Each structure stands twice: as structure tokens, then as C-alpha cells.
N, C-alpha and C. Protein backbone atom coordinates (compact mmCIF):
# COMPACT_ATOMS: atom_id res chain seq x y z
N UNK A 1 -8.94 -44.85 -9.50
CA UNK A 1 -8.77 -43.44 -9.74
C UNK A 1 -10.05 -42.70 -9.35
N UNK A 2 -9.88 -41.50 -8.80
CA UNK A 2 -11.01 -40.67 -8.43
C UNK A 2 -11.65 -40.10 -9.69
N UNK A 3 -12.93 -39.87 -9.62
CA UNK A 3 -13.66 -39.25 -10.72
C UNK A 3 -14.23 -37.93 -10.24
N UNK A 4 -14.91 -37.25 -11.13
CA UNK A 4 -15.54 -35.98 -10.81
C UNK A 4 -16.49 -36.12 -9.64
N UNK A 5 -17.14 -37.28 -9.49
CA UNK A 5 -18.13 -37.48 -8.44
C UNK A 5 -17.52 -38.08 -7.19
N UNK A 6 -16.24 -38.36 -7.21
CA UNK A 6 -15.55 -38.98 -6.08
C UNK A 6 -14.28 -38.16 -5.79
N UNK A 7 -14.48 -36.89 -5.44
CA UNK A 7 -13.35 -36.00 -5.21
C UNK A 7 -12.69 -36.31 -3.88
N UNK A 8 -11.38 -36.17 -3.79
CA UNK A 8 -10.72 -36.34 -2.50
C UNK A 8 -11.23 -35.27 -1.53
N UNK A 9 -11.27 -35.61 -0.25
CA UNK A 9 -11.79 -34.69 0.76
C UNK A 9 -11.06 -33.35 0.72
N UNK A 10 -9.76 -33.38 0.52
CA UNK A 10 -8.97 -32.15 0.47
C UNK A 10 -8.21 -32.09 -0.85
N UNK A 11 -8.90 -31.54 -1.87
CA UNK A 11 -8.24 -31.45 -3.17
C UNK A 11 -6.97 -30.63 -3.10
N UNK A 12 -6.87 -29.76 -2.12
CA UNK A 12 -5.67 -28.96 -1.95
C UNK A 12 -4.45 -29.81 -1.64
N UNK A 13 -4.69 -31.04 -1.16
CA UNK A 13 -3.58 -31.93 -0.83
C UNK A 13 -2.94 -32.50 -2.10
N UNK A 14 -3.66 -32.42 -3.20
CA UNK A 14 -3.11 -32.90 -4.46
C UNK A 14 -2.03 -31.94 -4.94
N UNK A 15 -0.83 -32.45 -5.08
CA UNK A 15 0.25 -31.60 -5.55
C UNK A 15 1.25 -32.36 -6.40
N UNK A 16 1.10 -33.64 -6.47
CA UNK A 16 2.05 -34.45 -7.22
C UNK A 16 1.38 -34.96 -8.49
N UNK A 17 1.15 -34.07 -9.43
CA UNK A 17 0.47 -34.42 -10.66
C UNK A 17 1.45 -34.88 -11.72
N UNK A 18 0.99 -35.80 -12.53
CA UNK A 18 1.72 -36.18 -13.73
C UNK A 18 0.71 -36.31 -14.85
N UNK A 19 1.20 -36.38 -16.07
CA UNK A 19 0.32 -36.45 -17.23
C UNK A 19 0.31 -37.87 -17.76
N UNK A 20 -0.87 -38.51 -17.68
CA UNK A 20 -1.05 -39.89 -18.15
C UNK A 20 -2.44 -40.03 -18.74
N UNK A 21 -2.64 -41.14 -19.45
CA UNK A 21 -3.98 -41.50 -19.92
C UNK A 21 -4.59 -42.39 -18.84
N UNK A 22 -5.62 -41.90 -18.12
CA UNK A 22 -6.24 -42.72 -17.07
C UNK A 22 -6.92 -43.96 -17.67
N UNK A 23 -7.04 -45.00 -16.86
CA UNK A 23 -7.74 -46.22 -17.29
C UNK A 23 -9.13 -45.85 -17.80
N UNK A 24 -9.48 -46.39 -18.95
CA UNK A 24 -10.80 -46.16 -19.53
C UNK A 24 -10.95 -44.83 -20.25
N UNK A 25 -9.89 -44.05 -20.30
CA UNK A 25 -9.94 -42.75 -20.98
C UNK A 25 -9.22 -42.85 -22.31
N UNK A 26 -9.30 -41.78 -23.10
CA UNK A 26 -8.64 -41.81 -24.41
C UNK A 26 -7.72 -40.63 -24.64
N UNK A 27 -7.45 -39.86 -23.57
CA UNK A 27 -6.55 -38.72 -23.73
C UNK A 27 -5.75 -38.48 -22.46
N UNK A 28 -4.65 -37.77 -22.64
CA UNK A 28 -3.76 -37.47 -21.51
C UNK A 28 -4.45 -36.46 -20.60
N UNK A 29 -4.38 -36.73 -19.30
CA UNK A 29 -4.94 -35.85 -18.27
C UNK A 29 -3.92 -35.65 -17.16
N UNK A 30 -4.12 -34.59 -16.37
CA UNK A 30 -3.32 -34.41 -15.15
C UNK A 30 -3.94 -35.29 -14.07
N UNK A 31 -3.13 -36.18 -13.48
CA UNK A 31 -3.61 -37.12 -12.46
C UNK A 31 -2.67 -37.03 -11.26
N UNK A 32 -3.27 -36.96 -10.07
CA UNK A 32 -2.48 -36.92 -8.84
C UNK A 32 -1.89 -38.30 -8.57
N UNK A 33 -0.58 -38.36 -8.40
CA UNK A 33 0.10 -39.63 -8.11
C UNK A 33 -0.29 -40.16 -6.74
N UNK A 34 -0.65 -39.28 -5.81
CA UNK A 34 -0.94 -39.68 -4.43
C UNK A 34 -2.33 -40.30 -4.29
N UNK A 35 -3.36 -39.60 -4.79
CA UNK A 35 -4.73 -40.07 -4.55
C UNK A 35 -5.46 -40.51 -5.81
N UNK A 36 -4.88 -40.24 -6.99
CA UNK A 36 -5.52 -40.65 -8.24
C UNK A 36 -6.53 -39.66 -8.78
N UNK A 37 -6.69 -38.51 -8.12
CA UNK A 37 -7.63 -37.50 -8.59
C UNK A 37 -7.28 -37.10 -10.01
N UNK A 38 -8.31 -37.07 -10.88
CA UNK A 38 -8.13 -36.66 -12.28
C UNK A 38 -8.57 -35.20 -12.38
N UNK A 39 -7.65 -34.35 -12.81
CA UNK A 39 -7.93 -32.93 -12.94
C UNK A 39 -8.45 -32.66 -14.35
N UNK A 40 -9.76 -32.85 -14.54
CA UNK A 40 -10.37 -32.63 -15.84
C UNK A 40 -10.36 -31.14 -16.15
N UNK A 41 -9.99 -30.79 -17.36
CA UNK A 41 -10.07 -29.42 -17.85
C UNK A 41 -11.03 -29.46 -19.03
N UNK A 42 -12.16 -28.79 -18.86
CA UNK A 42 -13.21 -28.83 -19.86
C UNK A 42 -13.46 -27.45 -20.45
N UNK A 43 -14.16 -27.40 -21.60
CA UNK A 43 -14.44 -26.11 -22.21
C UNK A 43 -15.22 -25.19 -21.27
N UNK A 44 -15.05 -23.89 -21.48
CA UNK A 44 -15.76 -22.89 -20.71
C UNK A 44 -17.08 -22.58 -21.40
N UNK A 45 -18.09 -22.29 -20.60
CA UNK A 45 -19.40 -21.93 -21.14
C UNK A 45 -19.55 -20.42 -21.05
N UNK A 46 -19.82 -19.82 -22.19
CA UNK A 46 -20.07 -18.38 -22.29
C UNK A 46 -21.56 -18.20 -22.50
N UNK A 47 -22.17 -17.27 -21.77
CA UNK A 47 -23.59 -16.96 -21.94
C UNK A 47 -23.70 -15.48 -22.30
N UNK A 48 -24.61 -15.19 -23.21
CA UNK A 48 -24.77 -13.80 -23.62
C UNK A 48 -26.11 -13.56 -24.28
N UNK A 49 -26.35 -12.30 -24.64
CA UNK A 49 -27.64 -11.93 -25.23
C UNK A 49 -27.46 -10.87 -26.31
N UNK A 50 -28.27 -11.00 -27.34
CA UNK A 50 -28.49 -9.91 -28.27
C UNK A 50 -29.77 -9.26 -27.76
N UNK A 51 -29.62 -8.04 -27.25
CA UNK A 51 -30.72 -7.34 -26.58
C UNK A 51 -31.24 -6.24 -27.50
N UNK A 52 -32.56 -6.21 -27.67
CA UNK A 52 -33.13 -5.16 -28.52
C UNK A 52 -34.17 -4.34 -27.75
N UNK A 53 -34.28 -3.10 -28.17
CA UNK A 53 -35.32 -2.18 -27.69
C UNK A 53 -35.73 -1.32 -28.88
N UNK A 54 -37.01 -1.35 -29.22
CA UNK A 54 -37.51 -0.59 -30.37
C UNK A 54 -36.67 -0.84 -31.62
N UNK A 55 -36.37 -2.12 -31.87
CA UNK A 55 -35.63 -2.55 -33.06
C UNK A 55 -34.20 -2.01 -33.10
N UNK A 56 -33.66 -1.66 -31.95
CA UNK A 56 -32.27 -1.23 -31.85
C UNK A 56 -31.56 -2.21 -30.93
N UNK A 57 -30.27 -2.42 -31.17
CA UNK A 57 -29.47 -3.42 -30.44
C UNK A 57 -28.61 -2.72 -29.39
N UNK A 58 -28.58 -3.28 -28.19
CA UNK A 58 -27.74 -2.77 -27.12
C UNK A 58 -26.36 -3.41 -27.21
N UNK A 59 -25.35 -2.58 -27.41
CA UNK A 59 -23.96 -3.04 -27.43
C UNK A 59 -23.19 -2.30 -26.34
N UNK A 60 -22.12 -2.95 -25.88
CA UNK A 60 -21.24 -2.34 -24.88
C UNK A 60 -19.82 -2.32 -25.44
N UNK A 61 -19.09 -1.28 -25.08
CA UNK A 61 -17.68 -1.18 -25.49
C UNK A 61 -16.83 -1.68 -24.32
N UNK A 62 -16.01 -2.67 -24.60
CA UNK A 62 -15.26 -3.38 -23.56
C UNK A 62 -14.23 -2.49 -22.86
N UNK A 63 -14.23 -2.59 -21.51
CA UNK A 63 -13.25 -1.88 -20.69
C UNK A 63 -12.14 -2.82 -20.23
N UNK A 64 -12.22 -4.08 -20.65
CA UNK A 64 -11.25 -5.09 -20.22
C UNK A 64 -10.68 -5.82 -21.43
N UNK A 65 -9.53 -6.42 -21.23
CA UNK A 65 -8.95 -7.28 -22.26
C UNK A 65 -9.61 -8.65 -22.16
N UNK A 66 -9.68 -9.40 -23.21
CA UNK A 66 -9.15 -9.07 -24.53
C UNK A 66 -10.09 -8.12 -25.28
N UNK A 67 -9.51 -7.43 -26.23
CA UNK A 67 -10.24 -6.55 -27.16
C UNK A 67 -10.84 -5.33 -26.46
N UNK A 68 -10.09 -4.76 -25.53
CA UNK A 68 -10.52 -3.54 -24.85
C UNK A 68 -10.81 -2.46 -25.90
N UNK A 69 -11.91 -1.74 -25.71
CA UNK A 69 -12.28 -0.66 -26.61
C UNK A 69 -13.15 -1.09 -27.78
N UNK A 70 -13.33 -2.38 -27.97
CA UNK A 70 -14.17 -2.88 -29.05
C UNK A 70 -15.59 -3.15 -28.54
N UNK A 71 -16.54 -3.13 -29.46
CA UNK A 71 -17.95 -3.32 -29.13
C UNK A 71 -18.30 -4.80 -29.08
N UNK A 72 -19.25 -5.14 -28.21
CA UNK A 72 -19.69 -6.52 -28.08
C UNK A 72 -21.12 -6.56 -27.55
N UNK A 73 -21.69 -7.73 -27.58
CA UNK A 73 -22.96 -7.96 -26.89
C UNK A 73 -22.62 -8.29 -25.44
N UNK A 74 -23.52 -8.04 -24.49
CA UNK A 74 -23.25 -8.45 -23.11
C UNK A 74 -23.12 -9.97 -23.04
N UNK A 75 -21.97 -10.43 -22.59
CA UNK A 75 -21.71 -11.87 -22.51
C UNK A 75 -20.52 -12.11 -21.60
N UNK A 76 -20.45 -13.32 -21.06
CA UNK A 76 -19.32 -13.68 -20.23
C UNK A 76 -19.44 -15.10 -19.72
N UNK A 77 -18.54 -15.45 -18.83
CA UNK A 77 -18.50 -16.81 -18.30
C UNK A 77 -19.69 -17.10 -17.42
N UNK A 78 -20.28 -18.27 -17.62
CA UNK A 78 -21.34 -18.75 -16.75
C UNK A 78 -20.72 -19.09 -15.40
N UNK A 79 -21.44 -18.81 -14.34
CA UNK A 79 -20.97 -19.09 -12.98
C UNK A 79 -21.59 -20.39 -12.48
N UNK A 80 -20.92 -21.01 -11.53
CA UNK A 80 -21.48 -22.20 -10.89
C UNK A 80 -22.77 -21.83 -10.18
N UNK A 81 -23.73 -22.74 -10.18
CA UNK A 81 -24.97 -22.55 -9.44
C UNK A 81 -26.00 -21.67 -10.12
N UNK A 82 -25.80 -21.32 -11.39
CA UNK A 82 -26.80 -20.52 -12.09
C UNK A 82 -27.22 -21.23 -13.37
N UNK A 83 -28.43 -20.96 -13.82
CA UNK A 83 -28.89 -21.51 -15.09
C UNK A 83 -28.28 -20.67 -16.22
N UNK A 84 -28.40 -21.18 -17.42
CA UNK A 84 -27.89 -20.46 -18.59
C UNK A 84 -28.58 -19.10 -18.70
N UNK A 85 -29.91 -19.08 -18.54
CA UNK A 85 -30.66 -17.83 -18.63
C UNK A 85 -30.27 -16.87 -17.51
N UNK A 86 -30.10 -17.38 -16.31
CA UNK A 86 -29.67 -16.53 -15.19
C UNK A 86 -28.31 -15.91 -15.47
N UNK A 87 -27.41 -16.70 -16.02
CA UNK A 87 -26.08 -16.19 -16.35
C UNK A 87 -26.14 -15.11 -17.41
N UNK A 88 -26.96 -15.32 -18.43
CA UNK A 88 -27.09 -14.32 -19.50
C UNK A 88 -27.68 -13.02 -18.95
N UNK A 89 -28.69 -13.14 -18.10
CA UNK A 89 -29.30 -11.95 -17.50
C UNK A 89 -28.30 -11.24 -16.58
N UNK A 90 -27.52 -12.00 -15.83
CA UNK A 90 -26.52 -11.41 -14.94
C UNK A 90 -25.48 -10.62 -15.74
N UNK A 91 -25.01 -11.21 -16.85
CA UNK A 91 -24.03 -10.53 -17.69
C UNK A 91 -24.60 -9.23 -18.25
N UNK A 92 -25.87 -9.22 -18.65
CA UNK A 92 -26.50 -8.00 -19.16
C UNK A 92 -26.52 -6.93 -18.07
N UNK A 93 -26.78 -7.33 -16.82
CA UNK A 93 -26.77 -6.37 -15.73
C UNK A 93 -25.35 -5.89 -15.43
N UNK A 94 -24.40 -6.81 -15.35
CA UNK A 94 -23.02 -6.43 -15.01
C UNK A 94 -22.40 -5.50 -16.06
N UNK A 95 -22.69 -5.73 -17.32
CA UNK A 95 -22.02 -4.96 -18.37
C UNK A 95 -22.79 -3.73 -18.83
N UNK A 96 -24.14 -3.76 -18.68
CA UNK A 96 -24.94 -2.65 -19.21
C UNK A 96 -26.02 -2.17 -18.24
N UNK A 97 -26.01 -2.66 -17.01
CA UNK A 97 -27.04 -2.30 -16.03
C UNK A 97 -28.43 -2.44 -16.64
N UNK A 98 -28.61 -3.50 -17.43
CA UNK A 98 -29.85 -3.73 -18.16
C UNK A 98 -30.63 -4.88 -17.54
N UNK A 99 -31.89 -4.63 -17.25
CA UNK A 99 -32.83 -5.67 -16.83
C UNK A 99 -33.52 -6.14 -18.10
N UNK A 100 -33.34 -7.41 -18.43
CA UNK A 100 -33.80 -7.91 -19.73
C UNK A 100 -34.85 -9.00 -19.57
N UNK A 101 -35.54 -9.25 -20.66
CA UNK A 101 -36.49 -10.36 -20.77
C UNK A 101 -36.00 -11.28 -21.88
N UNK A 102 -35.54 -12.46 -21.48
CA UNK A 102 -35.02 -13.41 -22.46
C UNK A 102 -36.17 -14.06 -23.20
N UNK A 103 -36.05 -14.09 -24.51
CA UNK A 103 -37.10 -14.57 -25.39
C UNK A 103 -36.82 -15.99 -25.89
N UNK A 104 -35.60 -16.25 -26.38
CA UNK A 104 -35.29 -17.55 -26.98
C UNK A 104 -33.79 -17.75 -27.03
N UNK A 105 -33.40 -19.00 -27.16
CA UNK A 105 -32.00 -19.32 -27.43
C UNK A 105 -31.76 -19.03 -28.90
N UNK A 106 -30.87 -18.09 -29.17
CA UNK A 106 -30.59 -17.67 -30.54
C UNK A 106 -29.57 -18.57 -31.21
N UNK A 107 -28.50 -18.94 -30.47
CA UNK A 107 -27.41 -19.67 -31.11
C UNK A 107 -26.57 -20.42 -30.09
N UNK A 108 -25.96 -21.49 -30.58
CA UNK A 108 -24.95 -22.24 -29.83
C UNK A 108 -23.72 -22.30 -30.72
N UNK A 109 -22.67 -21.59 -30.30
CA UNK A 109 -21.44 -21.55 -31.07
C UNK A 109 -20.38 -22.38 -30.37
N UNK A 110 -19.67 -23.17 -31.15
CA UNK A 110 -18.58 -24.00 -30.64
C UNK A 110 -17.27 -23.41 -31.15
N UNK A 111 -16.40 -23.02 -30.20
CA UNK A 111 -15.13 -22.39 -30.56
C UNK A 111 -14.00 -23.24 -29.97
N UNK A 112 -13.66 -24.37 -30.61
CA UNK A 112 -12.64 -25.26 -30.05
C UNK A 112 -11.27 -24.61 -29.89
N UNK A 113 -10.93 -23.67 -30.74
CA UNK A 113 -9.62 -23.01 -30.68
C UNK A 113 -9.35 -22.39 -29.32
N UNK A 114 -10.41 -21.90 -28.67
CA UNK A 114 -10.26 -21.29 -27.34
C UNK A 114 -11.06 -22.06 -26.28
N UNK A 115 -11.47 -23.28 -26.62
CA UNK A 115 -12.19 -24.16 -25.69
C UNK A 115 -13.42 -23.48 -25.08
N UNK A 116 -14.27 -22.93 -25.94
CA UNK A 116 -15.50 -22.29 -25.47
C UNK A 116 -16.72 -22.85 -26.19
N UNK A 117 -17.81 -22.89 -25.45
CA UNK A 117 -19.13 -23.10 -25.99
C UNK A 117 -19.91 -21.85 -25.63
N UNK A 118 -20.47 -21.18 -26.62
CA UNK A 118 -21.18 -19.93 -26.39
C UNK A 118 -22.67 -20.13 -26.61
N UNK A 119 -23.46 -19.82 -25.60
CA UNK A 119 -24.91 -19.91 -25.65
C UNK A 119 -25.46 -18.49 -25.67
N UNK A 120 -25.96 -18.08 -26.83
CA UNK A 120 -26.39 -16.70 -27.02
C UNK A 120 -27.92 -16.67 -27.14
N UNK A 121 -28.53 -15.81 -26.34
CA UNK A 121 -29.98 -15.67 -26.31
C UNK A 121 -30.42 -14.41 -27.04
N UNK A 122 -31.67 -14.39 -27.41
CA UNK A 122 -32.32 -13.19 -27.90
C UNK A 122 -33.12 -12.64 -26.73
N UNK A 123 -33.02 -11.34 -26.48
CA UNK A 123 -33.69 -10.75 -25.33
C UNK A 123 -34.21 -9.37 -25.69
N UNK A 124 -35.16 -8.91 -24.88
CA UNK A 124 -35.71 -7.57 -25.04
C UNK A 124 -35.33 -6.73 -23.83
N UNK A 125 -35.15 -5.46 -24.09
CA UNK A 125 -34.97 -4.47 -23.05
C UNK A 125 -36.32 -3.76 -22.95
N UNK A 126 -37.11 -4.08 -21.91
CA UNK A 126 -38.48 -3.55 -21.86
C UNK A 126 -38.57 -2.03 -21.79
N UNK A 127 -37.59 -1.39 -21.17
CA UNK A 127 -37.53 0.07 -21.11
C UNK A 127 -36.16 0.48 -21.61
N UNK A 128 -36.00 1.72 -22.02
CA UNK A 128 -34.69 2.14 -22.53
C UNK A 128 -33.68 2.43 -21.42
N UNK A 129 -33.92 1.89 -20.23
CA UNK A 129 -33.03 2.14 -19.10
C UNK A 129 -31.86 1.16 -19.12
N UNK A 130 -30.66 1.68 -19.20
CA UNK A 130 -29.44 0.89 -19.11
C UNK A 130 -28.33 1.84 -18.72
N UNK A 131 -27.17 1.30 -18.44
CA UNK A 131 -26.05 2.13 -18.02
C UNK A 131 -24.74 1.49 -18.40
N UNK A 132 -23.71 1.87 -17.68
CA UNK A 132 -22.37 1.37 -17.97
C UNK A 132 -21.87 0.60 -16.75
N UNK A 133 -21.66 -0.69 -16.93
CA UNK A 133 -21.15 -1.53 -15.85
C UNK A 133 -19.64 -1.41 -15.74
N UNK A 134 -19.05 -2.03 -14.72
CA UNK A 134 -17.61 -1.90 -14.48
C UNK A 134 -16.72 -2.51 -15.56
N UNK A 135 -17.25 -3.41 -16.39
CA UNK A 135 -16.46 -4.02 -17.45
C UNK A 135 -16.65 -3.31 -18.79
N UNK A 136 -17.38 -2.18 -18.77
CA UNK A 136 -17.71 -1.47 -20.01
C UNK A 136 -17.25 -0.03 -19.97
N UNK A 137 -16.87 0.49 -21.13
CA UNK A 137 -16.52 1.89 -21.27
C UNK A 137 -17.74 2.71 -21.70
N UNK A 138 -18.65 2.04 -22.39
CA UNK A 138 -19.79 2.72 -22.98
C UNK A 138 -20.87 1.68 -23.27
N UNK A 139 -22.12 2.10 -23.27
CA UNK A 139 -23.24 1.25 -23.67
C UNK A 139 -24.15 2.10 -24.55
N UNK A 140 -24.64 1.49 -25.63
CA UNK A 140 -25.42 2.29 -26.58
C UNK A 140 -26.35 1.41 -27.39
N UNK A 141 -27.50 1.97 -27.76
CA UNK A 141 -28.44 1.30 -28.66
C UNK A 141 -28.10 1.70 -30.10
N UNK A 142 -28.02 0.69 -30.98
CA UNK A 142 -27.70 0.91 -32.39
C UNK A 142 -28.81 0.36 -33.27
N UNK A 143 -29.19 1.10 -34.31
CA UNK A 143 -29.98 0.51 -35.38
C UNK A 143 -29.07 -0.49 -36.08
N UNK A 144 -29.65 -1.51 -36.70
CA UNK A 144 -28.84 -2.55 -37.31
C UNK A 144 -27.84 -1.98 -38.32
N UNK A 145 -28.27 -1.02 -39.11
CA UNK A 145 -27.36 -0.44 -40.12
C UNK A 145 -26.36 0.55 -39.53
N UNK A 146 -26.44 0.83 -38.24
CA UNK A 146 -25.48 1.71 -37.56
C UNK A 146 -24.42 0.95 -36.77
N UNK A 147 -24.56 -0.37 -36.68
CA UNK A 147 -23.63 -1.17 -35.87
C UNK A 147 -22.21 -0.95 -36.38
N UNK A 148 -21.26 -0.72 -35.49
CA UNK A 148 -19.86 -0.51 -35.91
C UNK A 148 -19.18 -1.85 -36.25
N UNK A 149 -19.52 -2.41 -37.38
CA UNK A 149 -19.09 -3.76 -37.77
C UNK A 149 -17.58 -3.94 -37.73
N UNK A 150 -16.84 -2.92 -38.10
CA UNK A 150 -15.37 -3.03 -38.10
C UNK A 150 -14.76 -2.96 -36.70
N UNK A 151 -15.55 -2.58 -35.75
CA UNK A 151 -15.07 -2.43 -34.38
C UNK A 151 -15.71 -3.42 -33.41
N UNK A 152 -16.23 -4.53 -33.93
CA UNK A 152 -16.78 -5.57 -33.06
C UNK A 152 -15.65 -6.44 -32.52
N UNK A 153 -15.79 -6.87 -31.29
CA UNK A 153 -14.70 -7.52 -30.58
C UNK A 153 -14.36 -8.92 -31.09
N UNK A 154 -15.37 -9.71 -31.44
CA UNK A 154 -15.12 -11.13 -31.72
C UNK A 154 -15.96 -11.59 -32.92
N UNK A 155 -15.51 -12.61 -33.65
CA UNK A 155 -16.30 -13.15 -34.76
C UNK A 155 -17.70 -13.58 -34.32
N UNK A 156 -17.82 -14.17 -33.14
CA UNK A 156 -19.13 -14.66 -32.71
C UNK A 156 -20.11 -13.52 -32.46
N UNK A 157 -19.63 -12.31 -32.20
CA UNK A 157 -20.52 -11.15 -32.07
C UNK A 157 -21.12 -10.83 -33.44
N UNK A 158 -20.30 -10.87 -34.48
CA UNK A 158 -20.80 -10.69 -35.85
C UNK A 158 -21.89 -11.73 -36.15
N UNK A 159 -21.56 -13.00 -35.84
CA UNK A 159 -22.51 -14.08 -36.14
C UNK A 159 -23.83 -13.84 -35.42
N UNK A 160 -23.76 -13.54 -34.12
CA UNK A 160 -24.97 -13.39 -33.31
C UNK A 160 -25.83 -12.23 -33.82
N UNK A 161 -25.20 -11.12 -34.16
CA UNK A 161 -25.97 -9.98 -34.65
C UNK A 161 -26.63 -10.30 -35.99
N UNK A 162 -25.92 -10.98 -36.86
CA UNK A 162 -26.51 -11.34 -38.15
C UNK A 162 -27.62 -12.39 -37.97
N UNK A 163 -27.42 -13.32 -37.06
CA UNK A 163 -28.46 -14.32 -36.79
C UNK A 163 -29.69 -13.65 -36.17
N UNK A 164 -29.49 -12.69 -35.27
CA UNK A 164 -30.61 -11.95 -34.70
C UNK A 164 -31.40 -11.27 -35.82
N UNK A 165 -30.68 -10.62 -36.72
CA UNK A 165 -31.33 -9.90 -37.83
C UNK A 165 -32.14 -10.87 -38.71
N UNK A 166 -31.60 -12.05 -38.92
CA UNK A 166 -32.27 -13.05 -39.77
C UNK A 166 -33.61 -13.49 -39.18
N UNK A 167 -33.73 -13.54 -37.87
CA UNK A 167 -34.98 -14.01 -37.24
C UNK A 167 -35.72 -12.88 -36.51
N UNK A 168 -35.33 -11.67 -36.77
CA UNK A 168 -35.98 -10.52 -36.13
C UNK A 168 -37.48 -10.60 -36.35
N UNK A 169 -38.24 -10.51 -35.25
CA UNK A 169 -39.69 -10.54 -35.34
C UNK A 169 -40.29 -11.93 -35.48
N UNK A 170 -39.47 -12.96 -35.60
CA UNK A 170 -39.98 -14.33 -35.76
C UNK A 170 -39.90 -15.08 -34.44
N UNK A 171 -40.78 -16.05 -34.29
CA UNK A 171 -40.69 -16.96 -33.16
C UNK A 171 -40.63 -18.38 -33.73
N UNK A 172 -40.28 -19.32 -32.89
CA UNK A 172 -40.29 -20.72 -33.32
C UNK A 172 -39.16 -21.09 -34.25
N UNK A 173 -38.01 -20.50 -34.12
CA UNK A 173 -36.87 -20.85 -34.97
C UNK A 173 -35.92 -21.77 -34.20
N UNK A 174 -35.14 -22.54 -34.94
CA UNK A 174 -34.13 -23.39 -34.32
C UNK A 174 -32.89 -22.54 -34.04
N UNK A 175 -32.20 -22.80 -32.94
CA UNK A 175 -30.97 -22.04 -32.66
C UNK A 175 -29.94 -22.23 -33.78
N UNK A 176 -29.22 -21.15 -34.05
CA UNK A 176 -28.17 -21.18 -35.05
C UNK A 176 -26.91 -21.85 -34.48
N UNK A 177 -25.99 -22.17 -35.38
CA UNK A 177 -24.67 -22.70 -35.01
C UNK A 177 -23.62 -21.87 -35.75
N UNK A 178 -22.36 -22.26 -35.62
CA UNK A 178 -21.28 -21.55 -36.32
C UNK A 178 -21.60 -21.49 -37.82
N UNK A 179 -21.25 -20.37 -38.45
CA UNK A 179 -21.38 -20.34 -39.91
C UNK A 179 -20.45 -21.39 -40.54
N UNK A 180 -20.75 -21.83 -41.76
CA UNK A 180 -19.88 -22.81 -42.42
C UNK A 180 -18.43 -22.33 -42.47
N UNK A 181 -17.52 -23.24 -42.21
CA UNK A 181 -16.10 -22.91 -42.27
C UNK A 181 -15.49 -22.44 -40.97
N UNK A 182 -16.31 -22.31 -39.93
CA UNK A 182 -15.77 -21.85 -38.63
C UNK A 182 -15.88 -22.93 -37.59
């Protein structure tokens, strides 16, 4: 059977898939009957940042589904060929036209229900310059007590903002994980 490192020359030729447990594996996978290629489906990596400027947090209001119209931190899918930090910085630019300085890895959240691993950084916005990217309806700096908590898009946004607040002004902390029970 082909592995991730032994891909068929023309993966497009694979069209006769069936669901079986490949030799040496422990779960059902899609496997091409013709060439043995295993179509691994793995969790998606999300990269994002809690960005601050003068002790205020930059949030964007989503212009896309899911959760269109709700507030979030700049975050999205990591792309092939980029580092985690590069992906987080790219997302900040795409969603808020923000040039950021990443300070530390704030949290690693595991969301098995939607097959995601979220790597959230703490970052600074060196100048108050930002804008509205194509995936955003609005971008705004909020004091922590002004954050629209009831209008945040996802549970992990709540977690990240609270974790940022917990280590605000500190260095040398260990990255956070999911709160208990999640």
C-alpha cells in the first residue's frame, strides 16, 4: 500500500476507493483499489492571534460563515509551505490589514468535534494602523471590559481572550490548553 511519502505519480488516477483498515493501521480509511493509495484525512490546523495595542484587543467581525456577523480574533486555516507564525501573521493581515509582532504561543486548543487543532499566539500591534480585510465586516480595538462577550463567534475565542488576560504583561508562561470539560 502507498503511504504519504510514496504517493502515486498521478493521484488524479485514483477513483476506485473503498473503505478498509489498511495493513498495520487501526482504523478504517479510504484506499484506492487500483494503486493502494491511502487517502488520509487528518485534523485541520488553525492559526490565530490575540493582538493588543495599548492594552486593547483587536477583534474582527466575520463577513463569512460560519458565524457571520460575530466577533473573533484574526485566525484561519494554516496554508501549506508556511510556518505557524507566518500563518498567524498572514491571517492578521487578511482579516484586519494588521502588521503584527508575535510575542509567544498563547494556547493550543484541541477541538476533536470539528477535527481542529488551534494554535493561538499573543501578538502586538506596534501602531494603531489596521483595516478591514475581505473576510471581515468590521475591525476594532476593545478594552478587555468592552469586549462583546455575547457576540463572540466561537468558544475558543472566549478561551483565548481570557487566557490572554490571565498572562497580560507576563513573559515565560506555558501555553494554555482547553479549559476543563472541553
